């Protein structure tokens, strides 16, 4: 039998998401041990011991379905954020909440504005809904809200603002955000993706907490994958008006956040010490990396996240591949249109030193 399957054109137009190269794959291909992964913006300290213990505690109950409403975690989050539990939508990573928003609110003929470059999942989920992504180039690596506003048409239904932005690490400032939102059409949902919020040091950066209420169509996205070190658990959430959350719950798959994930995330929220240690490690690591690159005469861009861009002034894909042979995994920015840039996240002090040493060797031979 010959399979005859057709797919809609808007699905065929999607380029699959390419994640960072796994450590296991690198070591298998190159016969390398003790490799260093600085490609996926993960927490180099691992996970909170309290979170790990909470996950282990529920392992004997894996034959039971988790609480489909994730009640305890939703209540705890709401209490910390100063909102109501009905303002929280939990997902299998914040990626799922993005997908739920686009599925619930977009249809063919609608447009969603996406700064470019930014998180690639915005494009994928918008196209999956049959809607049209409208791209607005960054200005000097910053999201240009004036240009975003000029791109609004009668078909615009959603705007994505990644703050801080991935992959550039830059932020939108509160004054600019205030002006942007002041006269925005009421039928447009603004999605503020704040996956890296915990690392922000600039006091003038805009924060979703200032804009979430029951009247405005603003959604803030957060995650446990980065600062909380639970990337493997896949827990994220959106904070939004209850009118929006009710729509998302209509299409959310049941039991979308696993039992261990709910337990680990709840415990992680209680471990302030681990969170503070994680953020401090990143900030100290950035200062070391900045200083080392300054001494090497290599350009980079300061960041408000746990990663930053480095301008290697040559083919970044070639540098990326040569770094693999030294057991160092970073991220080439070719897929984002930045052909001479690497994205590197902060690791442990020894991992940062190994990266700098390997980069110096690779560039000396470039």
Protein backbone atom coordinates (compact mmCIF):
# COMPACT_ATOMS: atom_id res chain seq x y z
CA UNK A 1 0.00 0.00 0.00
CA UNK A 2 1.30 3.46 -0.92
CA UNK A 3 0.68 6.08 1.70
CA UNK A 4 -1.10 9.16 0.37
CA UNK A 5 -1.14 11.84 3.02
CA UNK A 6 -1.55 15.53 2.36
CA UNK A 7 -1.06 18.38 4.80
CA UNK A 8 -2.22 21.99 4.69
CA UNK A 9 0.22 24.44 3.15
CA UNK A 10 0.57 26.36 6.41
CA UNK A 11 1.88 23.18 8.07
CA UNK A 12 4.27 22.42 5.21
CA UNK A 13 5.67 25.95 5.52
CA UNK A 14 6.96 25.31 9.05
CA UNK A 15 10.68 24.73 9.54
CA UNK A 16 11.16 22.22 12.40
CA UNK A 17 12.65 23.59 15.61
CA UNK A 18 16.29 22.57 16.07
CA UNK A 19 17.31 22.26 19.73
CA UNK A 20 20.85 22.53 21.06
CA UNK A 21 23.05 19.50 20.43
CA UNK A 22 22.69 16.96 23.28
CA UNK A 23 25.81 16.10 25.29
CA UNK A 24 25.26 12.39 24.68
CA UNK A 25 25.19 12.89 20.91
CA UNK A 26 28.42 14.90 20.93
CA UNK A 27 30.30 12.37 23.06
CA UNK A 28 29.03 9.49 20.92
CA UNK A 29 30.03 11.15 17.64
CA UNK A 30 33.42 12.49 18.70
CA UNK A 31 34.46 9.97 21.34
CA UNK A 32 34.74 12.80 23.87
CA UNK A 33 34.12 12.62 27.60
CA UNK A 34 33.31 15.35 30.13
CA UNK A 35 32.00 17.70 27.46
CA UNK A 36 30.50 21.08 28.34
CA UNK A 37 27.09 22.18 27.12
CA UNK A 38 26.59 25.94 27.00
CA UNK A 39 23.96 25.92 24.26
CA UNK A 40 20.49 25.66 25.77
CA UNK A 41 20.50 28.27 28.56
CA UNK A 42 20.14 25.59 31.24
CA UNK A 43 20.98 26.00 34.91
CA UNK A 44 24.60 24.84 35.43
CA UNK A 45 23.92 24.16 39.13
CA UNK A 46 21.31 21.55 38.27
CA UNK A 47 18.02 21.52 40.18
CA UNK A 48 17.01 22.58 43.65
CA UNK A 49 17.63 19.69 46.09
CA UNK A 50 14.19 20.41 47.50
CA UNK A 51 12.66 20.01 44.04
CA UNK A 52 14.49 16.73 43.42
CA UNK A 53 13.37 15.37 46.80
CA UNK A 54 9.75 16.35 46.11
CA UNK A 55 9.81 14.62 42.72
CA UNK A 56 11.26 11.45 44.23
CA UNK A 57 8.62 11.45 46.94
CA UNK A 58 5.81 11.00 44.41
CA UNK A 59 7.47 8.30 42.29
CA UNK A 60 5.54 5.55 44.02
CA UNK A 61 2.33 7.17 42.75
CA UNK A 62 3.22 7.15 39.06
CA UNK A 63 0.34 4.76 38.38
CA UNK A 64 -2.05 7.60 39.25
CA UNK A 65 -2.96 10.49 36.98
CA UNK A 66 -1.78 13.88 38.21
CA UNK A 67 -4.18 16.58 39.33
CA UNK A 68 -5.41 17.85 35.99
CA UNK A 69 -5.92 21.36 37.38
CA UNK A 70 -2.55 21.36 39.18
CA UNK A 71 -4.45 22.98 42.04
CA UNK A 72 -1.70 23.14 44.65
CA UNK A 73 0.88 24.56 42.26
CA UNK A 74 -1.58 27.07 40.81
CA UNK A 75 -2.54 28.28 44.29
CA UNK A 76 1.09 28.61 45.35
CA UNK A 77 2.00 30.54 42.21
CA UNK A 78 -1.02 32.80 42.55
CA UNK A 79 -0.10 33.59 46.13
CA UNK A 80 3.45 34.53 45.22
CA UNK A 81 2.40 36.60 42.22
CA UNK A 82 -0.51 38.40 43.85
CA UNK A 83 -3.10 37.08 41.39
CA UNK A 84 -5.93 34.56 41.56
CA UNK A 85 -5.48 30.87 40.69
CA UNK A 86 -7.85 31.33 37.76
CA UNK A 87 -5.31 33.75 36.27
CA UNK A 88 -2.76 30.91 35.95
CA UNK A 89 -2.51 28.45 33.07
CA UNK A 90 0.13 25.77 33.52
CA UNK A 91 1.74 24.02 30.59
CA UNK A 92 4.22 21.40 29.53
CA UNK A 93 6.80 24.17 29.39
CA UNK A 94 5.82 27.72 28.50
CA UNK A 95 6.01 26.51 24.88
CA UNK A 96 2.69 24.74 25.39
CA UNK A 97 1.06 27.89 26.71
CA UNK A 98 2.25 29.71 23.58
CA UNK A 99 0.69 26.97 21.46
CA UNK A 100 -2.55 27.13 23.43
CA UNK A 101 -2.77 30.90 22.93
CA UNK A 102 -2.30 30.67 19.18
CA UNK A 103 -4.72 27.75 18.81
CA UNK A 104 -7.40 29.47 20.86
CA UNK A 105 -7.10 32.97 19.44
CA UNK A 106 -5.76 32.79 15.88
CA UNK A 107 -7.27 31.53 12.65
CA UNK A 108 -6.47 31.77 8.94
CA UNK A 109 -6.44 35.41 7.86
CA UNK A 110 -5.22 36.66 11.24
CA UNK A 111 -1.77 38.15 11.74
CA UNK A 112 0.65 37.92 14.64
CA UNK A 113 3.58 40.32 14.94
CA UNK A 114 6.92 38.75 15.86
CA UNK A 115 10.17 40.67 16.37
CA UNK A 116 13.00 39.09 14.43
CA UNK A 117 15.11 37.40 15.56
CA UNK A 118 13.31 36.07 18.61
CA UNK A 119 12.19 32.73 20.04
CA UNK A 120 11.53 30.42 17.08
CA UNK A 121 8.46 28.78 18.64
CA UNK A 122 6.38 31.92 18.03
CA UNK A 123 6.68 31.41 14.28
CA UNK A 124 5.94 27.69 14.51
CA UNK A 125 2.81 28.03 16.64
CA UNK A 126 1.41 30.95 14.63
CA UNK A 127 1.82 29.01 11.39
CA UNK A 128 0.31 25.91 13.01
CA UNK A 129 -2.87 27.91 13.61
CA UNK A 130 -2.99 28.90 9.94
CA UNK A 131 -2.31 32.55 10.80
CA UNK A 132 0.33 34.76 9.23
CA UNK A 133 3.49 35.81 11.09
CA UNK A 134 4.52 39.42 10.47
CA UNK A 135 8.18 40.05 11.22
CA UNK A 136 9.63 43.28 12.58
CA UNK A 137 13.45 43.49 12.51
CA UNK A 138 15.29 44.40 15.70
CA UNK A 139 17.02 47.77 15.92
CA UNK A 140 20.56 47.46 17.33
CA UNK A 141 19.55 44.07 18.82
CA UNK A 142 16.58 45.65 20.64
CA UNK A 143 12.88 45.06 20.00
CA UNK A 144 11.65 48.23 18.27
CA UNK A 145 8.19 48.91 19.71
CA UNK A 146 7.62 51.86 17.41
CA UNK A 147 8.22 49.62 14.40
CA UNK A 148 5.98 46.96 15.93
CA UNK A 149 3.16 49.48 16.31
CA UNK A 150 3.56 50.64 12.71
CA UNK A 151 3.14 47.01 11.60
CA UNK A 152 -0.31 46.66 13.17
CA UNK A 153 -3.12 46.17 10.66
CA UNK A 154 -6.80 45.37 10.88
CA UNK A 155 -5.80 41.69 10.79
CA UNK A 156 -3.42 41.86 13.77
CA UNK A 157 -4.60 39.70 16.66
CA UNK A 158 -1.43 38.97 18.64
CA UNK A 159 1.97 40.53 19.36
CA UNK A 160 4.89 38.63 20.87
CA UNK A 161 7.44 40.49 22.96
CA UNK A 162 10.21 38.35 24.43
CA UNK A 163 11.59 40.33 27.35
CA UNK A 164 14.51 39.79 27.77
CA UNK A 165 14.73 38.75 24.15
CA UNK A 166 16.10 35.42 23.03
CA UNK A 167 18.69 35.32 21.43
CA UNK A 168 19.93 38.89 21.99
CA UNK A 169 19.53 39.24 25.77
CA UNK A 170 18.23 42.80 25.47
CA UNK A 171 15.21 44.23 27.29
CA UNK A 172 12.26 46.47 26.58
CA UNK A 173 12.15 49.38 29.03
CA UNK A 174 9.11 50.23 31.13
CA UNK A 175 8.68 53.75 29.76
CA UNK A 176 8.66 52.39 26.20
CA UNK A 177 6.23 49.63 27.13
CA UNK A 178 3.88 52.08 28.82
CA UNK A 179 3.74 54.22 25.68
CA UNK A 180 3.32 51.16 23.47
CA UNK A 181 0.36 49.79 25.41
CA UNK A 182 -1.35 53.16 25.96
CA UNK A 183 -3.37 53.23 22.73
CA UNK A 184 -3.11 49.66 21.51
CA UNK A 185 -6.31 48.28 19.92
CA UNK A 186 -8.27 46.33 22.52
CA UNK A 187 -8.66 43.23 20.33
CA UNK A 188 -4.91 42.52 20.25
CA UNK A 189 -3.36 40.14 22.80
CA UNK A 190 0.19 41.06 23.82
CA UNK A 191 2.26 38.08 24.91
CA UNK A 192 5.17 39.07 27.17
CA UNK A 193 7.52 36.09 27.26
CA UNK A 194 9.55 36.48 30.46
CA UNK A 195 11.40 33.17 30.52
CA UNK A 196 14.57 34.92 31.74
CA UNK A 197 12.99 37.43 34.09
CA UNK A 198 14.88 36.22 37.18
CA UNK A 199 18.24 37.23 35.68
CA UNK A 200 17.31 40.84 34.83
CA UNK A 201 19.44 43.44 36.65
CA UNK A 202 18.32 46.61 34.90
CA UNK A 203 15.75 48.32 37.18
CA UNK A 204 14.21 50.14 34.22
CA UNK A 205 13.23 46.94 32.39
CA UNK A 206 9.52 46.36 31.85
CA UNK A 207 7.96 43.54 33.86
CA UNK A 208 4.69 41.77 33.24
CA UNK A 209 3.67 42.21 36.88
CA UNK A 210 2.98 45.88 36.09
CA UNK A 211 0.47 45.08 33.35
CA UNK A 212 -1.49 41.96 34.26
CA UNK A 213 -5.10 42.68 35.24
CA UNK A 214 -8.59 41.50 34.39
CA UNK A 215 -9.26 44.24 31.84
CA UNK A 216 -6.25 44.32 29.53
CA UNK A 217 -5.39 41.51 27.08
CA UNK A 218 -1.84 41.07 28.41
CA UNK A 219 -0.29 37.65 29.02
CA UNK A 220 2.96 37.06 30.89
CA UNK A 221 4.79 33.78 30.30
CA UNK A 222 7.18 32.30 32.88
CA UNK A 223 9.08 29.04 33.14
CA UNK A 224 10.75 26.72 35.65
CA UNK A 225 13.29 25.62 33.01
CA UNK A 226 15.93 28.31 33.46
CA UNK A 227 16.60 29.87 36.85
CA UNK A 228 14.78 27.07 38.68
CA UNK A 229 16.73 24.33 36.88
CA UNK A 230 13.77 22.14 35.89
CA UNK A 231 14.15 22.07 32.10
CA UNK A 232 13.76 18.29 32.04
CA UNK A 233 10.48 18.47 33.97
CA UNK A 234 8.84 20.80 31.40
CA UNK A 235 6.81 23.19 33.54
CA UNK A 236 5.82 26.67 32.44
CA UNK A 237 2.86 28.92 32.97
CA UNK A 238 1.01 31.95 31.75
CA UNK A 239 -0.49 34.74 33.86
CA UNK A 240 -3.51 36.27 32.17
CA UNK A 241 -7.07 37.58 32.62
CA UNK A 242 -9.51 34.84 33.57
CA UNK A 243 -11.41 35.39 30.31
CA UNK A 244 -8.33 34.23 28.42
CA UNK A 245 -7.47 31.41 30.81
CA UNK A 246 -11.00 30.02 30.43
CA UNK A 247 -10.48 29.81 26.68
CA UNK A 248 -7.16 28.01 27.03
CA UNK A 249 -8.57 25.48 29.48
CA UNK A 250 -11.15 24.50 26.85
CA UNK A 251 -8.41 23.14 24.58
CA UNK A 252 -5.66 22.27 27.06
CA UNK A 253 -4.93 18.57 27.12
CA UNK A 254 -5.84 16.91 30.42
CA UNK A 255 -2.97 16.07 32.77
CA UNK A 256 -0.54 18.17 30.74
CA UNK A 257 1.81 18.73 33.71
CA UNK A 258 3.05 15.46 35.17
CA UNK A 259 2.90 14.47 38.82
CA UNK A 260 6.68 14.75 39.42
CA UNK A 261 6.75 18.06 37.55
CA UNK A 262 4.02 19.55 39.74
CA UNK A 263 5.75 18.36 42.90
CA UNK A 264 9.20 19.60 41.80
CA UNK A 265 7.93 23.01 40.71
CA UNK A 266 6.05 23.55 43.95
CA UNK A 267 9.13 22.71 46.01
CA UNK A 268 11.36 24.87 43.80
CA UNK A 269 9.21 27.88 44.63
CA UNK A 270 10.05 27.34 48.30
CA UNK A 271 13.81 27.12 47.77
CA UNK A 272 14.77 30.79 47.72
CA UNK A 273 18.37 29.94 48.54
CA UNK A 274 18.83 27.87 45.39
CA UNK A 275 17.27 30.54 43.20
CA UNK A 276 19.50 33.25 44.67
CA UNK A 277 22.59 31.05 44.24
CA UNK A 278 21.66 30.33 40.61
CA UNK A 279 21.19 34.00 39.75
CA UNK A 280 24.41 35.01 41.54
CA UNK A 281 26.38 32.32 39.68
CA UNK A 282 25.13 33.65 36.35
CA UNK A 283 25.96 37.27 37.14
CA UNK A 284 29.44 36.38 38.40
CA UNK A 285 30.00 34.14 35.38
CA UNK A 286 29.03 36.91 32.99
CA UNK A 287 31.52 39.29 34.56
CA UNK A 288 34.29 36.70 34.14
CA UNK A 289 33.36 36.00 30.52
CA UNK A 290 33.08 39.69 29.64
CA UNK A 291 36.53 40.34 31.11
CA UNK A 292 38.10 37.35 29.34
CA UNK A 293 36.63 38.36 25.97
CA UNK A 294 37.75 41.96 26.47
CA UNK A 295 41.30 40.74 27.00
CA UNK A 296 41.05 38.63 23.83
CA UNK A 297 39.67 41.56 21.82
CA UNK A 298 36.48 39.67 20.95
CA UNK A 299 33.21 41.57 20.62
CA UNK A 300 30.11 40.64 22.60
CA UNK A 301 26.81 42.13 23.70
CA UNK A 302 25.95 42.63 27.36
CA UNK A 303 22.86 40.74 28.43
CA UNK A 304 20.02 40.68 30.94
CA UNK A 305 19.77 36.88 30.73
CA UNK A 306 21.93 33.84 31.48
CA UNK A 307 23.27 33.82 27.89
CA UNK A 308 24.83 36.36 25.56
CA UNK A 309 25.95 36.86 21.98
CA UNK A 310 29.59 36.78 20.90
CA UNK A 311 30.75 38.21 17.57
CA UNK A 312 33.49 35.87 16.35
CA UNK A 313 33.96 37.99 13.18
CA UNK A 314 34.03 34.87 11.00
CA UNK A 315 31.74 31.96 10.10
CA UNK A 316 30.07 31.15 13.43
CA UNK A 317 28.95 27.74 12.18
CA UNK A 318 32.57 26.82 11.50
CA UNK A 319 33.60 28.00 14.98
CA UNK A 320 30.70 26.07 16.50
CA UNK A 321 31.79 22.84 14.78
CA UNK A 322 35.42 23.28 15.80
CA UNK A 323 34.42 23.92 19.40
CA UNK A 324 32.61 20.56 19.34
CA UNK A 325 35.95 18.86 18.79
CA UNK A 326 37.11 20.46 22.04
CA UNK A 327 34.04 19.10 23.83
CA UNK A 328 32.29 22.49 23.99
CA UNK A 329 28.68 22.84 22.81
CA UNK A 330 27.45 26.38 22.12
CA UNK A 331 24.84 27.66 19.68
CA UNK A 332 25.51 29.00 16.21
CA UNK A 333 23.16 31.85 15.35
CA UNK A 334 23.04 31.04 11.63
CA UNK A 335 19.41 29.92 11.89
CA UNK A 336 18.59 33.35 13.36
CA UNK A 337 20.33 35.18 10.52
CA UNK A 338 23.39 36.16 12.56
CA UNK A 339 26.10 34.34 10.63
CA UNK A 340 29.05 35.60 12.72
CA UNK A 341 27.50 35.19 16.15
CA UNK A 342 27.55 32.49 18.79
CA UNK A 343 25.10 32.32 21.66
CA UNK A 344 26.69 31.06 24.85
CA UNK A 345 25.09 30.52 28.23
CA UNK A 346 26.95 30.84 31.51
CA UNK A 347 28.23 27.60 32.99
CA UNK A 348 30.06 26.65 36.14
CA UNK A 349 33.36 28.55 36.65
CA UNK A 350 35.44 25.65 35.31
CA UNK A 351 33.14 25.28 32.30
CA UNK A 352 33.47 28.99 31.54
CA UNK A 353 37.26 28.71 31.68
CA UNK A 354 37.23 25.69 29.37
CA UNK A 355 35.09 27.56 26.88
CA UNK A 356 37.38 30.59 26.83
CA UNK A 357 40.46 28.39 26.39
CA UNK A 358 38.83 26.42 23.56
CA UNK A 359 37.54 29.57 21.84
CA UNK A 360 41.02 31.10 21.92
CA UNK A 361 42.51 28.02 20.28
CA UNK A 362 39.81 27.83 17.60
CA UNK A 363 39.99 31.51 16.67
CA UNK A 364 43.78 31.46 16.61
CA UNK A 365 43.57 28.88 13.82
CA UNK A 366 40.64 30.50 11.99
